[in-house]
Amino acid sequence: MMTSNFARNNIEKFPNAVSNARSSRWFNGCRYSRLMPSRDVITKYIAGMVDESDAIECQCETLEKLVPAKVFAEFRF
């Protein structure tokens, strides 16, 4: 699995790409909501109520609860 950004999005080159973003106007590939940061953390980050390191820590806590093999098996390619 690799990570990237929407500026490098090329669904023809990477047909198994998976988005963890809450929104994207151009991405037409697979989305997996369990990988997405919570709306609460995003809202607090935008409002300046948490800094980047706090937001990353919250996201890591969310991801640590997932079983990688199970997540991968749930993808619908």
PDB file of N, CA and C in Angstrom:
ATOM      1  N   MET A   1       0.860  -1.164   0.000  1.00  0.00           N
ATOM      2  CA  MET A   1       0.000   0.000   0.000  1.00  0.00           C
ATOM      3  C   MET A   1       0.903   1.222   0.000  1.00  0.00           C
ATOM      4  N   MET A   2       0.509   2.231  -0.739  1.00  0.00           N
ATOM      5  CA  MET A   2       1.281   3.462  -0.777  1.00  0.00           C
ATOM      6  C   MET A   2       0.369   4.642  -0.518  1.00  0.00           C
ATOM      7  N   THR A   3       0.943   5.750  -0.126  1.00  0.00           N
ATOM      8  CA  THR A   3       0.173   6.965   0.075  1.00  0.00           C
ATOM      9  C   THR A   3       0.622   8.002  -0.938  1.00  0.00           C
ATOM     10  N   SER A   4      -0.243   8.967  -1.180  1.00  0.00           N
ATOM     11  CA  SER A   4       0.070  10.030  -2.117  1.00  0.00           C
ATOM     12  C   SER A   4      -0.852  11.195  -1.828  1.00  0.00           C
ATOM     13  N   ASN A   5      -1.124  11.989  -2.858  1.00  0.00           N
ATOM     14  CA  ASN A   5      -2.058  13.105  -2.717  1.00  0.00           C
ATOM     15  C   ASN A   5      -2.860  13.239  -3.997  1.00  0.00           C
ATOM     16  N   PHE A   6      -3.923  14.026  -3.935  1.00  0.00           N
ATOM     17  CA  PHE A   6      -4.808  14.121  -5.089  1.00  0.00           C
ATOM     18  C   PHE A   6      -4.156  14.815  -6.281  1.00  0.00           C
ATOM     19  N   ALA A   7      -3.158  15.639  -6.046  1.00  0.00           N
ATOM     20  CA  ALA A   7      -2.460  16.286  -7.159  1.00  0.00           C
ATOM     21  C   ALA A   7      -1.754  15.255  -8.024  1.00  0.00           C
ATOM     22  N   ARG A   8      -1.413  14.106  -7.444  1.00  0.00           N
ATOM     23  CA  ARG A   8      -0.732  13.044  -8.185  1.00  0.00           C
ATOM     24  C   ARG A   8      -1.705  11.945  -8.599  1.00  0.00           C
ATOM     25  N   ASN A   9      -3.000  12.184  -8.407  1.00  0.00           N
ATOM     26  CA  ASN A   9      -4.012  11.173  -8.700  1.00  0.00           C
ATOM     27  C   ASN A   9      -3.972  10.763 -10.170  1.00  0.00           C
ATOM     28  N   ASN A  10      -3.858   9.494 -10.397  1.00  0.00           N
ATOM     29  CA  ASN A  10      -3.879   8.944 -11.743  1.00  0.00           C
ATOM     30  C   ASN A  10      -4.518   7.568 -11.634  1.00  0.00           C
ATOM     31  N   ILE A  11      -5.828   7.517 -11.729  1.00  0.00           N
ATOM     32  CA  ILE A  11      -6.576   6.273 -11.501  1.00  0.00           C
ATOM     33  C   ILE A  11      -6.222   5.214 -12.543  1.00  0.00           C
ATOM     34  N   GLU A  12      -5.803   5.636 -13.744  1.00  0.00           N
ATOM     35  CA  GLU A  12      -5.393   4.658 -14.754  1.00  0.00           C
ATOM     36  C   GLU A  12      -4.082   3.987 -14.350  1.00  0.00           C
ATOM     37  N   LYS A  13      -3.158   4.759 -13.800  1.00  0.00           N
ATOM     38  CA  LYS A  13      -1.864   4.220 -13.403  1.00  0.00           C
ATOM     39  C   LYS A  13      -1.955   3.447 -12.082  1.00  0.00           C
ATOM     40  N   PHE A  14      -2.849   3.905 -11.189  1.00  0.00           N
ATOM     41  CA  PHE A  14      -3.010   3.280  -9.877  1.00  0.00           C
ATOM     42  C   PHE A  14      -4.481   2.923  -9.654  1.00  0.00           C
ATOM     43  N   PRO A  15      -4.978   1.902 -10.344  1.00  0.00           N
ATOM     44  CA  PRO A  15      -6.413   1.580 -10.259  1.00  0.00           C
ATOM     45  C   PRO A  15      -6.855   1.103  -8.877  1.00  0.00           C
ATOM     46  N   ASN A  16      -5.935   0.692  -8.030  1.00  0.00           N
ATOM     47  CA  ASN A  16      -6.285   0.227  -6.687  1.00  0.00           C
ATOM     48  C   ASN A  16      -6.098   1.309  -5.629  1.00  0.00           C
ATOM     49  N   ALA A  17      -5.975   2.563  -6.040  1.00  0.00           N
ATOM     50  CA  ALA A  17      -5.811   3.653  -5.086  1.00  0.00           C
ATOM     51  C   ALA A  17      -7.043   3.741  -4.188  1.00  0.00           C
ATOM     52  N   VAL A  18      -6.813   4.073  -2.930  1.00  0.00           N
ATOM     53  CA  VAL A  18      -7.887   4.185  -1.946  1.00  0.00           C
ATOM     54  C   VAL A  18      -7.791   5.547  -1.281  1.00  0.00           C
ATOM     55  N   SER A  19      -8.904   6.229  -1.175  1.00  0.00           N
ATOM     56  CA  SER A  19      -8.929   7.540  -0.550  1.00  0.00           C
ATOM     57  C   SER A  19      -9.331   7.438   0.915  1.00  0.00           C
ATOM     58  N   ASN A  20      -8.640   8.200   1.763  1.00  0.00           N
ATOM     59  CA  ASN A  20      -9.051   8.331   3.146  1.00  0.00           C
ATOM     60  C   ASN A  20      -9.517   9.755   3.428  1.00  0.00           C
ATOM     61  N   ALA A  21      -9.730  10.523   2.370  1.00  0.00           N
ATOM     62  CA  ALA A  21     -10.155  11.916   2.508  1.00  0.00           C
ATOM     63  C   ALA A  21     -11.663  12.011   2.715  1.00  0.00           C
ATOM     64  N   ARG A  22     -12.067  13.004   3.475  1.00  0.00           N
ATOM     65  CA  ARG A  22     -13.495  13.233   3.694  1.00  0.00           C
ATOM     66  C   ARG A  22     -14.158  13.739   2.414  1.00  0.00           C
ATOM     67  N   SER A  23     -13.408  14.449   1.577  1.00  0.00           N
ATOM     68  CA  SER A  23     -13.993  14.938   0.330  1.00  0.00           C
ATOM     69  C   SER A  23     -12.907  15.117  -0.729  1.00  0.00           C
ATOM     70  N   SER A  24     -13.308  14.959  -1.955  1.00  0.00           N
ATOM     71  CA  SER A  24     -12.449  15.221  -3.106  1.00  0.00           C
ATOM     72  C   SER A  24     -13.346  15.356  -4.317  1.00  0.00           C
ATOM     73  N   ARG A  25     -13.146  16.417  -5.050  1.00  0.00           N
ATOM     74  CA  ARG A  25     -13.968  16.637  -6.241  1.00  0.00           C
ATOM     75  C   ARG A  25     -13.562  15.751  -7.404  1.00  0.00           C
ATOM     76  N   TRP A  26     -12.285  15.365  -7.462  1.00  0.00           N
ATOM     77  CA  TRP A  26     -11.799  14.694  -8.663  1.00  0.00           C
ATOM     78  C   TRP A  26     -11.580  13.212  -8.495  1.00  0.00           C
ATOM     79  N   PHE A  27     -11.505  12.715  -7.292  1.00  0.00           N
ATOM     80  CA  PHE A  27     -11.156  11.313  -7.102  1.00  0.00           C
ATOM     81  C   PHE A  27     -12.369  10.417  -7.342  1.00  0.00           C
ATOM     82  N   ASN A  28     -12.230   9.462  -8.255  1.00  0.00           N
ATOM     83  CA  ASN A  28     -13.335   8.564  -8.598  1.00  0.00           C
ATOM     84  C   ASN A  28     -13.073   7.132  -8.163  1.00  0.00           C
ATOM     85  N   GLY A  29     -12.010   6.922  -7.404  1.00  0.00           N
ATOM     86  CA  GLY A  29     -11.653   5.571  -6.988  1.00  0.00           C
ATOM     87  C   GLY A  29     -12.341   5.150  -5.705  1.00  0.00           C
ATOM     88  N   CYS A  30     -11.797   4.119  -5.110  1.00  0.00           N
ATOM     89  CA  CYS A  30     -12.326   3.533  -3.888  1.00  0.00           C
ATOM     90  C   CYS A  30     -12.121   4.487  -2.708  1.00  0.00           C
ATOM     91  N   ARG A  31     -13.135   4.592  -1.861  1.00  0.00           N
ATOM     92  CA  ARG A  31     -13.034   5.363  -0.620  1.00  0.00           C
ATOM     93  C   ARG A  31     -13.252   4.412   0.540  1.00  0.00           C
ATOM     94  N   TYR A  32     -12.534   4.626   1.602  1.00  0.00           N
ATOM     95  CA  TYR A  32     -12.656   3.758   2.764  1.00  0.00           C
ATOM     96  C   TYR A  32     -12.791   4.628   4.000  1.00  0.00           C
ATOM     97  N   SER A  33     -14.013   4.765   4.481  1.00  0.00           N
ATOM     98  CA  SER A  33     -14.314   5.733   5.543  1.00  0.00           C
ATOM     99  C   SER A  33     -13.627   5.425   6.868  1.00  0.00           C
ATOM    100  N   ARG A  34     -13.319   4.157   7.142  1.00  0.00           N
ATOM    101  CA  ARG A  34     -12.674   3.829   8.422  1.00  0.00           C
ATOM    102  C   ARG A  34     -11.247   4.355   8.495  1.00  0.00           C
ATOM    103  N   LEU A  35     -10.664   4.741   7.371  1.00  0.00           N
ATOM    104  CA  LEU A  35      -9.332   5.337   7.359  1.00  0.00           C
ATOM    105  C   LEU A  35      -9.378   6.856   7.471  1.00  0.00           C
ATOM    106  N   MET A  36     -10.570   7.425   7.382  1.00  0.00           N
ATOM    107  CA  MET A  36     -10.720   8.881   7.379  1.00  0.00           C
ATOM    108  C   MET A  36     -10.545   9.470   8.770  1.00  0.00           C
ATOM    109  N   PRO A  37      -9.921  10.637   8.847  1.00  0.00           N
ATOM    110  CA  PRO A  37      -9.862  11.323  10.139  1.00  0.00           C
ATOM    111  C   PRO A  37     -11.281  11.727  10.566  1.00  0.00           C
ATOM    112  N   SER A  38     -11.512  11.812  11.855  1.00  0.00           N
ATOM    113  CA  SER A  38     -12.856  12.161  12.323  1.00  0.00           C
ATOM    114  C   SER A  38     -13.184  13.618  11.992  1.00  0.00           C
ATOM    115  N   ARG A  39     -14.450  13.877  11.779  1.00  0.00           N
ATOM    116  CA  ARG A  39     -14.884  15.261  11.523  1.00  0.00           C
ATOM    117  C   ARG A  39     -14.537  16.150  12.714  1.00  0.00           C
ATOM    118  N   ASP A  40     -14.650  15.602  13.918  1.00  0.00           N
ATOM    119  CA  ASP A  40     -14.355  16.363  15.126  1.00  0.00           C
ATOM    120  C   ASP A  40     -12.913  16.858  15.124  1.00  0.00           C
ATOM    121  N   VAL A  41     -11.980  15.987  14.807  1.00  0.00           N
ATOM    122  CA  VAL A  41     -10.567  16.376  14.786  1.00  0.00           C
ATOM    123  C   VAL A  41     -10.313  17.398  13.684  1.00  0.00           C
ATOM    124  N   ILE A  42     -10.891  17.182  12.522  1.00  0.00           N
ATOM    125  CA  ILE A  42     -10.706  18.133  11.419  1.00  0.00           C
ATOM    126  C   ILE A  42     -11.260  19.501  11.798  1.00  0.00           C
ATOM    127  N   THR A  43     -12.459  19.526  12.360  1.00  0.00           N
ATOM    128  CA  THR A  43     -13.087  20.786  12.767  1.00  0.00           C
ATOM    129  C   THR A  43     -12.234  21.504  13.807  1.00  0.00           C
ATOM    130  N   LYS A  44     -11.769  20.774  14.816  1.00  0.00           N
ATOM    131  CA  LYS A  44     -10.931  21.379  15.858  1.00  0.00           C
ATOM    132  C   LYS A  44      -9.606  21.865  15.295  1.00  0.00           C
ATOM    133  N   TYR A  45      -9.030  21.122  14.352  1.00  0.00           N
ATOM    134  CA  TYR A  45      -7.767  21.530  13.737  1.00  0.00           C
ATOM    135  C   TYR A  45      -7.947  22.823  12.945  1.00  0.00           C
ATOM    136  N   ILE A  46      -8.996  22.878  12.143  1.00  0.00           N
ATOM    137  CA  ILE A  46      -9.262  24.086  11.347  1.00  0.00           C
ATOM    138  C   ILE A  46      -9.514  25.289  12.245  1.00  0.00           C
ATOM    139  N   ALA A  47     -10.202  25.057  13.381  1.00  0.00           N
ATOM    140  CA  ALA A  47     -10.517  26.137  14.318  1.00  0.00           C
ATOM    141  C   ALA A  47      -9.318  26.514  15.194  1.00  0.00           C
ATOM    142  N   GLY A  48      -8.223  25.768  15.078  1.00  0.00           N
ATOM    143  CA  GLY A  48      -7.046  26.056  15.879  1.00  0.00           C
ATOM    144  C   GLY A  48      -7.131  25.542  17.303  1.00  0.00           C
ATOM    145  N   MET A  49      -8.087  24.643  17.561  1.00  0.00           N
ATOM    146  CA  MET A  49      -8.268  24.097  18.905  1.00  0.00           C
ATOM    147  C   MET A  49      -7.294  22.953  19.200  1.00  0.00           C
ATOM    148  N   VAL A  50      -6.757  22.333  18.159  1.00  0.00           N
ATOM    149  CA  VAL A  50      -5.701  21.326  18.293  1.00  0.00           C
ATOM    150  C   VAL A  50      -4.636  21.640  17.260  1.00  0.00           C
ATOM    151  N   ASP A  51      -3.395  21.308  17.576  1.00  0.00           N
ATOM    152  CA  ASP A  51      -2.332  21.544  16.603  1.00  0.00           C
ATOM    153  C   ASP A  51      -2.117  20.289  15.762  1.00  0.00           C
ATOM    154  N   GLU A  52      -1.193  20.377  14.828  1.00  0.00           N
ATOM    155  CA  GLU A  52      -0.961  19.273  13.902  1.00  0.00           C
ATOM    156  C   GLU A  52      -0.557  17.986  14.630  1.00  0.00           C
ATOM    157  N   SER A  53       0.295  18.099  15.631  1.00  0.00           N
ATOM    158  CA  SER A  53       0.735  16.893  16.335  1.00  0.00           C
ATOM    159  C   SER A  53      -0.426  16.227  17.078  1.00  0.00           C
ATOM    160  N   ASP A  54      -1.343  17.018  17.642  1.00  0.00           N
ATOM    161  CA  ASP A  54      -2.525  16.439  18.298  1.00  0.00           C
ATOM    162  C   ASP A  54      -3.426  15.746  17.284  1.00  0.00           C
ATOM    163  N   ALA A  55      -3.602  16.371  16.120  1.00  0.00           N
ATOM    164  CA  ALA A  55      -4.444  15.775  15.074  1.00  0.00           C
ATOM    165  C   ALA A  55      -3.830  14.462  14.585  1.00  0.00           C
ATOM    166  N   ILE A  56      -2.525  14.441  14.422  1.00  0.00           N
ATOM    167  CA  ILE A  56      -1.841  13.217  13.991  1.00  0.00           C
ATOM    168  C   ILE A  56      -1.981  12.134  15.051  1.00  0.00           C
ATOM    169  N   GLU A  57      -1.843  12.504  16.309  1.00  0.00           N
ATOM    170  CA  GLU A  57      -1.983  11.538  17.389  1.00  0.00           C
ATOM    171  C   GLU A  57      -3.390  10.927  17.401  1.00  0.00           C
ATOM    172  N   CYS A  58      -4.411  11.755  17.204  1.00  0.00           N
ATOM    173  CA  CYS A  58      -5.785  11.247  17.151  1.00  0.00           C
ATOM    174  C   CYS A  58      -5.973  10.289  15.974  1.00  0.00           C
ATOM    175  N   GLN A  59      -5.392  10.638  14.832  1.00  0.00           N
ATOM    176  CA  GLN A  59      -5.503   9.771  13.663  1.00  0.00           C
ATOM    177  C   GLN A  59      -4.775   8.455  13.898  1.00  0.00           C
ATOM    178  N   CYS A  60      -3.627   8.505  14.527  1.00  0.00           N
ATOM    179  CA  CYS A  60      -2.879   7.274  14.834  1.00  0.00           C
ATOM    180  C   CYS A  60      -3.670   6.374  15.774  1.00  0.00           C
ATOM    181  N   GLU A  61      -4.338   6.969  16.746  1.00  0.00           N
ATOM    182  CA  GLU A  61      -5.167   6.185  17.666  1.00  0.00           C
ATOM    183  C   GLU A  61      -6.294   5.481  16.909  1.00  0.00           C
ATOM    184  N   THR A  62      -6.878   6.176  15.948  1.00  0.00           N
ATOM    185  CA  THR A  62      -7.937   5.573  15.125  1.00  0.00           C
ATOM    186  C   THR A  62      -7.381   4.413  14.312  1.00  0.00           C
ATOM    187  N   LEU A  63      -6.244   4.619  13.671  1.00  0.00           N
ATOM    188  CA  LEU A  63      -5.653   3.591  12.815  1.00  0.00           C
ATOM    189  C   LEU A  63      -5.157   2.389  13.609  1.00  0.00           C
ATOM    190  N   GLU A  64      -4.696   2.618  14.832  1.00  0.00           N
ATOM    191  CA  GLU A  64      -4.196   1.509  15.652  1.00  0.00           C
ATOM    192  C   GLU A  64      -5.291   0.508  16.005  1.00  0.00           C
ATOM    193  N   LYS A  65      -6.531   0.924  15.944  1.00  0.00           N
ATOM    194  CA  LYS A  65      -7.658   0.039  16.259  1.00  0.00           C
ATOM    195  C   LYS A  65      -8.000  -0.899  15.104  1.00  0.00           C
ATOM    196  N   LEU A  66      -7.454  -0.614  13.928  1.00  0.00           N
ATOM    197  CA  LEU A  66      -7.758  -1.417  12.741  1.00  0.00           C
ATOM    198  C   LEU A  66      -6.770  -2.570  12.594  1.00  0.00           C
ATOM    199  N   VAL A  67      -7.244  -3.655  12.018  1.00  0.00           N
ATOM    200  CA  VAL A  67      -6.393  -4.805  11.707  1.00  0.00           C
ATOM    201  C   VAL A  67      -6.061  -4.702  10.215  1.00  0.00           C
ATOM    202  N   PRO A  68      -4.794  -4.428   9.861  1.00  0.00           N
ATOM    203  CA  PRO A  68      -4.446  -4.190   8.457  1.00  0.00           C
ATOM    204  C   PRO A  68      -4.943  -5.260   7.485  1.00  0.00           C
ATOM    205  N   ALA A  69      -4.779  -6.527   7.808  1.00  0.00           N
ATOM    206  CA  ALA A  69      -5.214  -7.588   6.892  1.00  0.00           C
ATOM    207  C   ALA A  69      -6.726  -7.556   6.693  1.00  0.00           C
ATOM    208  N   LYS A  70      -7.462  -7.245   7.754  1.00  0.00           N
ATOM    209  CA  LYS A  70      -8.920  -7.169   7.644  1.00  0.00           C
ATOM    210  C   LYS A  70      -9.350  -5.962   6.812  1.00  0.00           C
ATOM    211  N   VAL A  71      -8.673  -4.841   7.019  1.00  0.00           N
ATOM    212  CA  VAL A  71      -8.973  -3.636   6.227  1.00  0.00           C
ATOM    213  C   VAL A  71      -8.728  -3.915   4.759  1.00  0.00           C
ATOM    214  N   PHE A  72      -7.574  -4.474   4.437  1.00  0.00           N
ATOM    215  CA  PHE A  72      -7.244  -4.779   3.049  1.00  0.00           C
ATOM    216  C   PHE A  72      -8.267  -5.712   2.430  1.00  0.00           C
ATOM    217  N   ALA A  73      -8.722  -6.708   3.192  1.00  0.00           N
ATOM    218  CA  ALA A  73      -9.714  -7.668   2.685  1.00  0.00           C
ATOM    219  C   ALA A  73     -11.061  -6.999   2.407  1.00  0.00           C
ATOM    220  N   GLU A  74     -11.347  -5.888   3.063  1.00  0.00           N
ATOM    221  CA  GLU A  74     -12.617  -5.200   2.865  1.00  0.00           C
ATOM    222  C   GLU A  74     -12.653  -4.315   1.623  1.00  0.00           C
ATOM    223  N   PHE A  75     -11.489  -4.032   1.032  1.00  0.00           N
ATOM    224  CA  PHE A  75     -11.471  -3.200  -0.170  1.00  0.00           C
ATOM    225  C   PHE A  75     -12.210  -3.894  -1.304  1.00  0.00           C
ATOM    226  N   ARG A  76     -12.913  -3.143  -2.093  1.00  0.00           N
ATOM    227  CA  ARG A  76     -13.689  -3.684  -3.216  1.00  0.00           C
ATOM    228  C   ARG A  76     -13.033  -3.268  -4.534  1.00  0.00           C
ATOM    229  N   PHE A  77     -11.978  -3.953  -4.936  1.00  0.00           N
ATOM    230  CA  PHE A  77     -11.293  -3.609  -6.186  1.00  0.00           C
ATOM    231  C   PHE A  77     -11.891  -4.344  -7.345  1.00  0.00           C
TER     232      PHE A  77
END
